[in-house]
């Protein structure tokens, strides 16, 4: 907020400040009020956004993060903003990459947070990913501007906080924040290259695309490396059924089975994340899966 107040004249854009009060700590309400006062002192219009939903007993941090972006996106749309700017910094990036590494993420996850991405129709910008928390605290101190430390960051019931506590020990063995960020940058570079070739391969293999299905040449898919096929399928499944969460491990298993079925020219079909993928008569068709007939307990992907 302090930095963007310095950039305001150069940016030549109208800027507002939004604070999300998750309501998870007694102090959060007063902190949101105080941040609002700081924003107004700097000449910003301030919006306080409250997460009023019932708080979950599990997966709290993920649900809070989802709610935060949802509230920010809604606010941005209501005030006609083109972009949301967050203060994620280099330490956040390193922690994100380490967290994803522990979960066995693929290249996309290991690339960390993008400095620019789309949040539906709103741009999400993270201009401070190359600056450490120490850098930002120093700026506040030099400007004699107050700031808050979030005690949740030290709460070891959360995985991220436990990993944060381990980072000095990991750094002694060479796994520093800088090393983690370099890993992210290299993963991002490989991602860009693979996406480039996936786009070219898609154009070569595509037979037909409709709102509810996509058809590829089975012969063309058989010739492609598994990673490129995986990216093509992920893109189409996400396009057709965006409401479902696509798990990488399940997609990897499906691509392995698909490649084997293509190799022996065998009719085959499988459902995944709301989509039906099938091989028949020389084509691979990806479409929305029909609703289940059974009213009993839902099963996993078949």
C-alpha atoms as a PDB file:
ATOM      1  CA  UNK A   1       0.000   0.000   0.000  1.00  0.00           C
ATOM      2  CA  UNK A   2       2.826   2.382   0.885  1.00  0.00           C
ATOM      3  CA  UNK A   3       4.728   1.512  -2.294  1.00  0.00           C
ATOM      4  CA  UNK A   4       1.753   1.824  -4.604  1.00  0.00           C
ATOM      5  CA  UNK A   5       0.996   5.221  -3.106  1.00  0.00           C
ATOM      6  CA  UNK A   6       4.444   6.276  -4.358  1.00  0.00           C
ATOM      7  CA  UNK A   7       3.756   4.823  -7.813  1.00  0.00           C
ATOM      8  CA  UNK A   8       0.249   6.268  -8.103  1.00  0.00           C
ATOM      9  CA  UNK A   9       1.124   9.382 -10.115  1.00  0.00           C
ATOM     10  CA  UNK A  10       3.354   7.443 -12.485  1.00  0.00           C
ATOM     11  CA  UNK A  11       0.753   4.698 -12.982  1.00  0.00           C
ATOM     12  CA  UNK A  12      -1.983   7.188 -13.927  1.00  0.00           C
ATOM     13  CA  UNK A  13      -4.677   4.759 -12.792  1.00  0.00           C
ATOM     14  CA  UNK A  14      -7.357   5.068 -10.152  1.00  0.00           C
ATOM     15  CA  UNK A  15      -6.372   2.845  -7.216  1.00  0.00           C
ATOM     16  CA  UNK A  16      -8.440   1.606  -4.276  1.00  0.00           C
ATOM     17  CA  UNK A  17      -7.401  -0.524  -1.300  1.00  0.00           C
ATOM     18  CA  UNK A  18      -9.324  -3.585  -0.108  1.00  0.00           C
ATOM     19  CA  UNK A  19      -8.800  -5.461   3.161  1.00  0.00           C
ATOM     20  CA  UNK A  20     -10.218  -8.943   3.711  1.00  0.00           C
ATOM     21  CA  UNK A  21     -11.237  -9.676   7.305  1.00  0.00           C
ATOM     22  CA  UNK A  22     -11.470 -13.459   7.549  1.00  0.00           C
ATOM     23  CA  UNK A  23     -12.870 -13.261  11.074  1.00  0.00           C
ATOM     24  CA  UNK A  24     -10.517 -15.973  12.300  1.00  0.00           C
ATOM     25  CA  UNK A  25      -8.912 -13.968  15.115  1.00  0.00           C
ATOM     26  CA  UNK A  26     -10.342 -11.570  17.681  1.00  0.00           C
ATOM     27  CA  UNK A  27      -7.886  -8.874  16.596  1.00  0.00           C
ATOM     28  CA  UNK A  28      -8.685  -9.094  12.879  1.00  0.00           C
ATOM     29  CA  UNK A  29     -11.621  -6.662  12.975  1.00  0.00           C
ATOM     30  CA  UNK A  30      -9.585  -3.904  14.624  1.00  0.00           C
ATOM     31  CA  UNK A  31      -6.651  -4.592  12.299  1.00  0.00           C
ATOM     32  CA  UNK A  32      -8.917  -4.190   9.263  1.00  0.00           C
ATOM     33  CA  UNK A  33     -10.184  -0.883  10.662  1.00  0.00           C
ATOM     34  CA  UNK A  34      -6.623   0.304  11.235  1.00  0.00           C
ATOM     35  CA  UNK A  35      -5.518  -0.641   7.719  1.00  0.00           C
ATOM     36  CA  UNK A  36      -8.525   1.281   6.418  1.00  0.00           C
ATOM     37  CA  UNK A  37      -7.387   4.348   8.356  1.00  0.00           C
ATOM     38  CA  UNK A  38      -3.857   4.015   6.950  1.00  0.00           C
ATOM     39  CA  UNK A  39      -5.296   3.731   3.431  1.00  0.00           C
ATOM     40  CA  UNK A  40      -7.383   6.866   3.841  1.00  0.00           C
ATOM     41  CA  UNK A  41      -4.367   8.763   5.214  1.00  0.00           C
ATOM     42  CA  UNK A  42      -2.543   7.861   1.993  1.00  0.00           C
ATOM     43  CA  UNK A  43      -5.470   9.134  -0.071  1.00  0.00           C
ATOM     44  CA  UNK A  44      -7.047   5.814  -1.046  1.00  0.00           C
ATOM     45  CA  UNK A  45     -10.668   4.749  -0.992  1.00  0.00           C
ATOM     46  CA  UNK A  46     -10.805   1.694   1.281  1.00  0.00           C
ATOM     47  CA  UNK A  47     -13.123  -1.322   1.068  1.00  0.00           C
ATOM     48  CA  UNK A  48     -13.451  -3.731   3.965  1.00  0.00           C
ATOM     49  CA  UNK A  49     -14.459  -7.219   2.830  1.00  0.00           C
ATOM     50  CA  UNK A  50     -15.737  -9.670   5.443  1.00  0.00           C
ATOM     51  CA  UNK A  51     -15.703 -13.452   5.118  1.00  0.00           C
ATOM     52  CA  UNK A  52     -19.028 -14.224   6.757  1.00  0.00           C
ATOM     53  CA  UNK A  53     -19.462 -17.881   5.795  1.00  0.00           C
ATOM     54  CA  UNK A  54     -19.343 -20.605   8.426  1.00  0.00           C
ATOM     55  CA  UNK A  55     -15.700 -21.519   8.991  1.00  0.00           C
ATOM     56  CA  UNK A  56     -14.679 -25.078   8.105  1.00  0.00           C
ATOM     57  CA  UNK A  57     -13.055 -27.406  10.625  1.00  0.00           C
ATOM     58  CA  UNK A  58     -10.623 -28.810   8.030  1.00  0.00           C
ATOM     59  CA  UNK A  59      -8.767 -27.257   5.113  1.00  0.00           C
ATOM     60  CA  UNK A  60      -9.170 -23.837   6.704  1.00  0.00           C
ATOM     61  CA  UNK A  61      -6.258 -22.087   5.001  1.00  0.00           C
ATOM     62  CA  UNK A  62      -7.290 -23.198   1.520  1.00  0.00           C
ATOM     63  CA  UNK A  63     -10.913 -22.227   2.117  1.00  0.00           C
ATOM     64  CA  UNK A  64      -9.799 -18.859   3.504  1.00  0.00           C
ATOM     65  CA  UNK A  65      -7.570 -18.272   0.468  1.00  0.00           C
ATOM     66  CA  UNK A  66     -10.393 -19.180  -1.928  1.00  0.00           C
ATOM     67  CA  UNK A  67     -12.752 -16.858  -0.060  1.00  0.00           C
ATOM     68  CA  UNK A  68     -10.176 -14.057  -0.122  1.00  0.00           C
ATOM     69  CA  UNK A  69      -9.784 -14.150  -3.890  1.00  0.00           C
ATOM     70  CA  UNK A  70     -13.527 -14.505  -4.385  1.00  0.00           C
ATOM     71  CA  UNK A  71     -14.194 -11.418  -2.249  1.00  0.00           C
ATOM     72  CA  UNK A  72     -11.446  -9.424  -3.977  1.00  0.00           C
ATOM     73  CA  UNK A  73     -12.710 -10.408  -7.422  1.00  0.00           C
ATOM     74  CA  UNK A  74     -16.295  -9.437  -6.531  1.00  0.00           C
ATOM     75  CA  UNK A  75     -15.130  -6.092  -5.157  1.00  0.00           C
ATOM     76  CA  UNK A  76     -13.016  -5.435  -8.263  1.00  0.00           C
ATOM     77  CA  UNK A  77     -15.982  -6.113 -10.541  1.00  0.00           C
ATOM     78  CA  UNK A  78     -18.313  -3.923  -8.498  1.00  0.00           C
ATOM     79  CA  UNK A  79     -15.991  -0.905  -8.618  1.00  0.00           C
ATOM     80  CA  UNK A  80     -14.930  -1.469 -12.230  1.00  0.00           C
ATOM     81  CA  UNK A  81     -11.303  -2.333 -11.470  1.00  0.00           C
ATOM     82  CA  UNK A  82      -9.217  -3.969 -14.191  1.00  0.00           C
ATOM     83  CA  UNK A  83      -6.700  -5.622 -11.868  1.00  0.00           C
ATOM     84  CA  UNK A  84      -6.039  -6.835  -8.337  1.00  0.00           C
ATOM     85  CA  UNK A  85      -2.538  -6.195  -6.970  1.00  0.00           C
ATOM     86  CA  UNK A  86      -1.267  -8.256  -4.024  1.00  0.00           C
ATOM     87  CA  UNK A  87       1.878  -7.911  -1.903  1.00  0.00           C
ATOM     88  CA  UNK A  88       3.110 -11.518  -2.162  1.00  0.00           C
ATOM     89  CA  UNK A  89       6.887 -11.412  -1.798  1.00  0.00           C
ATOM     90  CA  UNK A  90       9.921 -13.609  -2.458  1.00  0.00           C
ATOM     91  CA  UNK A  91       9.629 -15.480   0.847  1.00  0.00           C
ATOM     92  CA  UNK A  92       5.996 -16.320   0.050  1.00  0.00           C
ATOM     93  CA  UNK A  93       7.133 -17.653  -3.321  1.00  0.00           C
ATOM     94  CA  UNK A  94       9.836 -19.867  -1.795  1.00  0.00           C
ATOM     95  CA  UNK A  95       7.382 -21.245   0.785  1.00  0.00           C
ATOM     96  CA  UNK A  96       4.807 -21.963  -1.913  1.00  0.00           C
ATOM     97  CA  UNK A  97       7.331 -23.896  -4.006  1.00  0.00           C
ATOM     98  CA  UNK A  98       8.539 -25.856  -0.953  1.00  0.00           C
ATOM     99  CA  UNK A  99       4.956 -26.689   0.029  1.00  0.00           C
ATOM    100  CA  UNK A 100       4.180 -27.924  -3.477  1.00  0.00           C
ATOM    101  CA  UNK A 101       7.428 -29.891  -3.565  1.00  0.00           C
ATOM    102  CA  UNK A 102       6.370 -31.794  -0.435  1.00  0.00           C
ATOM    103  CA  UNK A 103       3.079 -32.649  -2.146  1.00  0.00           C
ATOM    104  CA  UNK A 104       4.705 -34.003  -5.296  1.00  0.00           C
ATOM    105  CA  UNK A 105       3.411 -31.253  -7.571  1.00  0.00           C
ATOM    106  CA  UNK A 106       4.093 -31.274 -11.291  1.00  0.00           C
ATOM    107  CA  UNK A 107       6.018 -28.616 -13.195  1.00  0.00           C
ATOM    108  CA  UNK A 108       3.119 -26.187 -13.172  1.00  0.00           C
ATOM    109  CA  UNK A 109       2.947 -26.292  -9.381  1.00  0.00           C
ATOM    110  CA  UNK A 110       6.719 -26.095  -8.942  1.00  0.00           C
ATOM    111  CA  UNK A 111       6.766 -22.905 -11.016  1.00  0.00           C
ATOM    112  CA  UNK A 112       5.199 -21.214  -7.998  1.00  0.00           C
ATOM    113  CA  UNK A 113       3.003 -18.140  -8.162  1.00  0.00           C
ATOM    114  CA  UNK A 114       2.863 -16.302 -11.473  1.00  0.00           C
ATOM    115  CA  UNK A 115       3.563 -12.581 -11.354  1.00  0.00           C
ATOM    116  CA  UNK A 116       0.605 -12.077 -13.697  1.00  0.00           C
ATOM    117  CA  UNK A 117      -2.417 -14.290 -14.261  1.00  0.00           C
ATOM    118  CA  UNK A 118      -6.129 -14.112 -14.930  1.00  0.00           C
ATOM    119  CA  UNK A 119      -8.670 -14.349 -12.136  1.00  0.00           C
ATOM    120  CA  UNK A 120     -11.573 -14.993 -14.478  1.00  0.00           C
ATOM    121  CA  UNK A 121     -11.804 -11.627 -16.290  1.00  0.00           C
ATOM    122  CA  UNK A 122      -9.710  -9.677 -13.765  1.00  0.00           C
ATOM    123  CA  UNK A 123      -5.911  -9.474 -13.918  1.00  0.00           C
ATOM    124  CA  UNK A 124      -4.100 -10.636 -10.779  1.00  0.00           C
ATOM    125  CA  UNK A 125      -0.724  -8.909 -10.393  1.00  0.00           C
ATOM    126  CA  UNK A 126       2.067  -9.768  -7.941  1.00  0.00           C
ATOM    127  CA  UNK A 127       4.780  -7.145  -8.528  1.00  0.00           C
ATOM    128  CA  UNK A 128       6.822  -7.865  -5.370  1.00  0.00           C
ATOM    129  CA  UNK A 129       7.823 -11.501  -5.943  1.00  0.00           C
ATOM    130  CA  UNK A 130      11.481 -10.503  -6.347  1.00  0.00           C
ATOM    131  CA  UNK A 131      11.573  -8.624  -3.022  1.00  0.00           C
ATOM    132  CA  UNK A 132      12.042 -10.354   0.328  1.00  0.00           C
ATOM    133  CA  UNK A 133       9.974  -9.711   3.427  1.00  0.00           C
ATOM    134  CA  UNK A 134      13.088  -8.127   4.943  1.00  0.00           C
ATOM    135  CA  UNK A 135      13.214  -5.665   2.029  1.00  0.00           C
ATOM    136  CA  UNK A 136       9.588  -4.665   2.547  1.00  0.00           C
ATOM    137  CA  UNK A 137       9.888  -4.312   6.326  1.00  0.00           C
ATOM    138  CA  UNK A 138      12.949  -2.108   5.784  1.00  0.00           C
ATOM    139  CA  UNK A 139      10.923   0.168   3.487  1.00  0.00           C
ATOM    140  CA  UNK A 140       8.226   0.546   6.167  1.00  0.00           C
ATOM    141  CA  UNK A 141      10.792   1.284   8.867  1.00  0.00           C
ATOM    142  CA  UNK A 142      12.619   3.856   6.749  1.00  0.00           C
ATOM    143  CA  UNK A 143       9.307   5.567   5.962  1.00  0.00           C
ATOM    144  CA  UNK A 144       8.277   5.362   9.632  1.00  0.00           C
ATOM    145  CA  UNK A 145       5.103   3.587   8.505  1.00  0.00           C
ATOM    146  CA  UNK A 146       3.499   0.984  10.838  1.00  0.00           C
ATOM    147  CA  UNK A 147       2.653  -2.553   9.744  1.00  0.00           C
ATOM    148  CA  UNK A 148       1.098  -5.718  11.167  1.00  0.00           C
ATOM    149  CA  UNK A 149       2.635  -9.162  11.643  1.00  0.00           C
ATOM    150  CA  UNK A 150       0.037 -11.897  11.199  1.00  0.00           C
ATOM    151  CA  UNK A 151       0.402 -14.369  14.121  1.00  0.00           C
ATOM    152  CA  UNK A 152      -1.249 -17.049  11.968  1.00  0.00           C
ATOM    153  CA  UNK A 153       2.076 -17.281  10.130  1.00  0.00           C
ATOM    154  CA  UNK A 154       3.584 -18.766  13.310  1.00  0.00           C
ATOM    155  CA  UNK A 155       0.744 -21.193  14.082  1.00  0.00           C
ATOM    156  CA  UNK A 156       2.289 -24.629  13.636  1.00  0.00           C
ATOM    157  CA  UNK A 157      -1.020 -26.397  13.227  1.00  0.00           C
ATOM    158  CA  UNK A 158      -0.724 -25.212   9.601  1.00  0.00           C
ATOM    159  CA  UNK A 159       1.675 -26.972   7.214  1.00  0.00           C
ATOM    160  CA  UNK A 160       3.011 -23.739   5.750  1.00  0.00           C
ATOM    161  CA  UNK A 161       3.973 -22.459   9.208  1.00  0.00           C
ATOM    162  CA  UNK A 162       5.773 -25.721  10.026  1.00  0.00           C
ATOM    163  CA  UNK A 163       7.702 -25.565   6.759  1.00  0.00           C
ATOM    164  CA  UNK A 164       8.533 -21.916   7.402  1.00  0.00           C
ATOM    165  CA  UNK A 165      10.073 -22.929  10.735  1.00  0.00           C
ATOM    166  CA  UNK A 166      12.159 -25.595   8.950  1.00  0.00           C
ATOM    167  CA  UNK A 167      13.554 -23.260   6.306  1.00  0.00           C
ATOM    168  CA  UNK A 168      16.639 -22.103   8.272  1.00  0.00           C
ATOM    169  CA  UNK A 169      17.622 -25.768   8.766  1.00  0.00           C
ATOM    170  CA  UNK A 170      17.020 -26.539   5.088  1.00  0.00           C
ATOM    171  CA  UNK A 171      19.079 -23.485   4.136  1.00  0.00           C
ATOM    172  CA  UNK A 172      22.053 -24.930   6.045  1.00  0.00           C
ATOM    173  CA  UNK A 173      21.905 -27.890   3.636  1.00  0.00           C
ATOM    174  CA  UNK A 174      21.678 -25.617   0.599  1.00  0.00           C
ATOM    175  CA  UNK A 175      17.905 -25.494   0.106  1.00  0.00           C
ATOM    176  CA  UNK A 176      17.677 -21.732   0.536  1.00  0.00           C
ATOM    177  CA  UNK A 177      14.864 -19.399  -0.466  1.00  0.00           C
ATOM    178  CA  UNK A 178      16.966 -18.347  -3.461  1.00  0.00           C
ATOM    179  CA  UNK A 179      17.442 -21.985  -4.499  1.00  0.00           C
ATOM    180  CA  UNK A 180      13.705 -22.629  -4.274  1.00  0.00           C
ATOM    181  CA  UNK A 181      12.950 -19.556  -6.358  1.00  0.00           C
ATOM    182  CA  UNK A 182      15.503 -20.630  -8.976  1.00  0.00           C
ATOM    183  CA  UNK A 183      13.734 -23.990  -9.126  1.00  0.00           C
ATOM    184  CA  UNK A 184      10.472 -22.136  -9.705  1.00  0.00           C
ATOM    185  CA  UNK A 185      11.953 -19.989 -12.468  1.00  0.00           C
ATOM    186  CA  UNK A 186      13.389 -23.032 -14.240  1.00  0.00           C
ATOM    187  CA  UNK A 187      10.121 -24.936 -13.929  1.00  0.00           C
ATOM    188  CA  UNK A 188       8.312 -21.930 -15.377  1.00  0.00           C
ATOM    189  CA  UNK A 189      10.749 -21.814 -18.315  1.00  0.00           C
ATOM    190  CA  UNK A 190      10.146 -25.499 -19.073  1.00  0.00           C
ATOM    191  CA  UNK A 191       6.389 -24.953 -18.720  1.00  0.00           C
ATOM    192  CA  UNK A 192       6.441 -22.207 -21.341  1.00  0.00           C
ATOM    193  CA  UNK A 193       8.324 -24.475 -23.762  1.00  0.00           C
ATOM    194  CA  UNK A 194       5.999 -27.437 -23.194  1.00  0.00           C
ATOM    195  CA  UNK A 195       2.903 -25.265 -23.571  1.00  0.00           C
ATOM    196  CA  UNK A 196       4.307 -23.934 -26.854  1.00  0.00           C
ATOM    197  CA  UNK A 197       4.735 -27.446 -28.248  1.00  0.00           C
ATOM    198  CA  UNK A 198       1.400 -28.573 -26.821  1.00  0.00           C
ATOM    199  CA  UNK A 199      -0.320 -25.740 -28.700  1.00  0.00           C
ATOM    200  CA  UNK A 200       1.346 -26.815 -31.948  1.00  0.00           C
ATOM    201  CA  UNK A 201       0.494 -30.480 -31.317  1.00  0.00           C
ATOM    202  CA  UNK A 202      -3.118 -29.583 -30.594  1.00  0.00           C
ATOM    203  CA  UNK A 203      -3.466 -27.835 -33.938  1.00  0.00           C
ATOM    204  CA  UNK A 204      -2.049 -30.919 -35.667  1.00  0.00           C
ATOM    205  CA  UNK A 205      -4.217 -33.454 -33.813  1.00  0.00           C
ATOM    206  CA  UNK A 206      -7.516 -31.552 -33.582  1.00  0.00           C
ATOM    207  CA  UNK A 207     -10.357 -32.822 -35.759  1.00  0.00           C
ATOM    208  CA  UNK A 208     -13.313 -30.988 -34.236  1.00  0.00           C
ATOM    209  CA  UNK A 209     -14.125 -28.778 -31.267  1.00  0.00           C
ATOM    210  CA  UNK A 210     -17.624 -27.984 -30.029  1.00  0.00           C
ATOM    211  CA  UNK A 211     -18.960 -26.427 -26.842  1.00  0.00           C
ATOM    212  CA  UNK A 212     -19.576 -29.852 -25.306  1.00  0.00           C
ATOM    213  CA  UNK A 213     -16.815 -32.012 -26.811  1.00  0.00           C
ATOM    214  CA  UNK A 214     -13.437 -32.143 -28.527  1.00  0.00           C
ATOM    215  CA  UNK A 215     -12.277 -34.781 -31.009  1.00  0.00           C
ATOM    216  CA  UNK A 216      -8.609 -35.582 -31.697  1.00  0.00           C
ATOM    217  CA  UNK A 217      -6.957 -37.933 -34.174  1.00  0.00           C
ATOM    218  CA  UNK A 218      -6.006 -41.110 -32.317  1.00  0.00           C
ATOM    219  CA  UNK A 219      -3.002 -41.594 -34.607  1.00  0.00           C
ATOM    220  CA  UNK A 220      -1.668 -38.103 -33.885  1.00  0.00           C
ATOM    221  CA  UNK A 221      -2.082 -38.501 -30.113  1.00  0.00           C
ATOM    222  CA  UNK A 222      -0.311 -41.868 -30.201  1.00  0.00           C
ATOM    223  CA  UNK A 223       2.753 -40.181 -31.725  1.00  0.00           C
ATOM    224  CA  UNK A 224       2.985 -37.530 -29.013  1.00  0.00           C
ATOM    225  CA  UNK A 225       5.011 -37.730 -25.767  1.00  0.00           C
ATOM    226  CA  UNK A 226       2.906 -38.429 -22.691  1.00  0.00           C
ATOM    227  CA  UNK A 227       3.540 -34.974 -21.197  1.00  0.00           C
ATOM    228  CA  UNK A 228       2.111 -33.247 -24.278  1.00  0.00           C
ATOM    229  CA  UNK A 229      -0.958 -35.532 -24.296  1.00  0.00           C
ATOM    230  CA  UNK A 230      -1.395 -34.840 -20.579  1.00  0.00           C
ATOM    231  CA  UNK A 231      -1.432 -31.094 -21.203  1.00  0.00           C
ATOM    232  CA  UNK A 232      -3.885 -31.410 -24.091  1.00  0.00           C
ATOM    233  CA  UNK A 233      -6.283 -33.481 -22.005  1.00  0.00           C
ATOM    234  CA  UNK A 234      -5.938 -31.180 -18.984  1.00  0.00           C
ATOM    235  CA  UNK A 235      -6.785 -28.178 -21.149  1.00  0.00           C
ATOM    236  CA  UNK A 236      -9.885 -29.809 -22.617  1.00  0.00           C
ATOM    237  CA  UNK A 237     -11.156 -31.296 -19.348  1.00  0.00           C
ATOM    238  CA  UNK A 238     -10.781 -27.922 -17.647  1.00  0.00           C
ATOM    239  CA  UNK A 239     -12.565 -26.198 -20.532  1.00  0.00           C
ATOM    240  CA  UNK A 240     -15.470 -28.636 -20.573  1.00  0.00           C
ATOM    241  CA  UNK A 241     -15.882 -29.190 -16.816  1.00  0.00           C
ATOM    242  CA  UNK A 242     -14.287 -26.247 -14.965  1.00  0.00           C
ATOM    243  CA  UNK A 243     -16.353 -26.943 -11.845  1.00  0.00           C
ATOM    244  CA  UNK A 244     -14.395 -30.156 -11.141  1.00  0.00           C
ATOM    245  CA  UNK A 245     -10.959 -30.361  -9.516  1.00  0.00           C
ATOM    246  CA  UNK A 246      -8.566 -32.231 -11.808  1.00  0.00           C
ATOM    247  CA  UNK A 247      -6.002 -34.257  -9.855  1.00  0.00           C
ATOM    248  CA  UNK A 248      -2.632 -34.654 -11.550  1.00  0.00           C
ATOM    249  CA  UNK A 249      -2.082 -38.228 -10.308  1.00  0.00           C
ATOM    250  CA  UNK A 250      -5.390 -39.393 -11.783  1.00  0.00           C
ATOM    251  CA  UNK A 251      -4.703 -37.617 -15.053  1.00  0.00           C
ATOM    252  CA  UNK A 252      -1.265 -39.262 -15.237  1.00  0.00           C
ATOM    253  CA  UNK A 253      -2.826 -42.709 -14.756  1.00  0.00           C
ATOM    254  CA  UNK A 254      -5.429 -41.971 -17.409  1.00  0.00           C
ATOM    255  CA  UNK A 255      -2.791 -40.852 -19.942  1.00  0.00           C
ATOM    256  CA  UNK A 256      -0.786 -44.043 -19.324  1.00  0.00           C
ATOM    257  CA  UNK A 257      -3.909 -46.159 -19.953  1.00  0.00           C
ATOM    258  CA  UNK A 258      -4.847 -44.068 -22.990  1.00  0.00           C
ATOM    259  CA  UNK A 259      -1.411 -44.483 -24.564  1.00  0.00           C
ATOM    260  CA  UNK A 260      -1.530 -48.252 -24.044  1.00  0.00           C
ATOM    261  CA  UNK A 261      -5.010 -48.467 -25.597  1.00  0.00           C
ATOM    262  CA  UNK A 262      -3.838 -46.358 -28.552  1.00  0.00           C
ATOM    263  CA  UNK A 263      -0.789 -48.583 -29.025  1.00  0.00           C
ATOM    264  CA  UNK A 264      -2.880 -51.739 -29.422  1.00  0.00           C
ATOM    265  CA  UNK A 265      -5.779 -49.971 -31.225  1.00  0.00           C
ATOM    266  CA  UNK A 266      -8.235 -51.009 -28.535  1.00  0.00           C
ATOM    267  CA  UNK A 267     -11.635 -49.357 -27.923  1.00  0.00           C
ATOM    268  CA  UNK A 268     -11.457 -47.747 -24.505  1.00  0.00           C
ATOM    269  CA  UNK A 269     -13.231 -45.228 -22.309  1.00  0.00           C
ATOM    270  CA  UNK A 270     -12.758 -43.630 -18.920  1.00  0.00           C
ATOM    271  CA  UNK A 271     -14.323 -40.840 -16.868  1.00  0.00           C
ATOM    272  CA  UNK A 272     -12.311 -38.192 -15.089  1.00  0.00           C
ATOM    273  CA  UNK A 273     -13.287 -34.898 -13.444  1.00  0.00           C
ATOM    274  CA  UNK A 274     -16.740 -34.855 -15.018  1.00  0.00           C
ATOM    275  CA  UNK A 275     -15.548 -35.793 -18.517  1.00  0.00           C
ATOM    276  CA  UNK A 276     -15.801 -38.971 -20.570  1.00  0.00           C
ATOM    277  CA  UNK A 277     -12.687 -39.753 -22.618  1.00  0.00           C
ATOM    278  CA  UNK A 278     -13.043 -42.523 -25.191  1.00  0.00           C
ATOM    279  CA  UNK A 279     -11.275 -44.085 -28.175  1.00  0.00           C
ATOM    280  CA  UNK A 280     -13.432 -45.256 -31.047  1.00  0.00           C
ATOM    281  CA  UNK A 281     -12.919 -45.605 -34.806  1.00  0.00           C
ATOM    282  CA  UNK A 282      -9.602 -43.788 -34.974  1.00  0.00           C
ATOM    283  CA  UNK A 283     -10.489 -40.802 -32.815  1.00  0.00           C
ATOM    284  CA  UNK A 284     -10.185 -39.753 -29.187  1.00  0.00           C
ATOM    285  CA  UNK A 285     -13.290 -37.908 -28.023  1.00  0.00           C
ATOM    286  CA  UNK A 286     -13.449 -35.848 -24.840  1.00  0.00           C
ATOM    287  CA  UNK A 287     -16.909 -34.771 -23.733  1.00  0.00           C
ATOM    288  CA  UNK A 288     -18.985 -34.143 -20.656  1.00  0.00           C
ATOM    289  CA  UNK A 289     -19.853 -37.381 -18.895  1.00  0.00           C
ATOM    290  CA  UNK A 290     -23.565 -38.232 -18.743  1.00  0.00           C
ATOM    291  CA  UNK A 291     -25.153 -37.973 -15.280  1.00  0.00           C
ATOM    292  CA  UNK A 292     -24.949 -41.105 -13.182  1.00  0.00           C
ATOM    293  CA  UNK A 293     -28.113 -43.202 -13.124  1.00  0.00           C
ATOM    294  CA  UNK A 294     -27.594 -44.469  -9.578  1.00  0.00           C
ATOM    295  CA  UNK A 295     -28.985 -42.417  -6.705  1.00  0.00           C
ATOM    296  CA  UNK A 296     -26.727 -44.212  -4.244  1.00  0.00           C
ATOM    297  CA  UNK A 297     -23.385 -43.116  -2.907  1.00  0.00           C
ATOM    298  CA  UNK A 298     -21.218 -41.527  -5.588  1.00  0.00           C
ATOM    299  CA  UNK A 299     -18.151 -43.491  -6.613  1.00  0.00           C
ATOM    300  CA  UNK A 300     -14.723 -42.218  -7.618  1.00  0.00           C
ATOM    301  CA  UNK A 301     -13.555 -41.799 -11.195  1.00  0.00           C
ATOM    302  CA  UNK A 302     -13.967 -45.019 -13.126  1.00  0.00           C
END
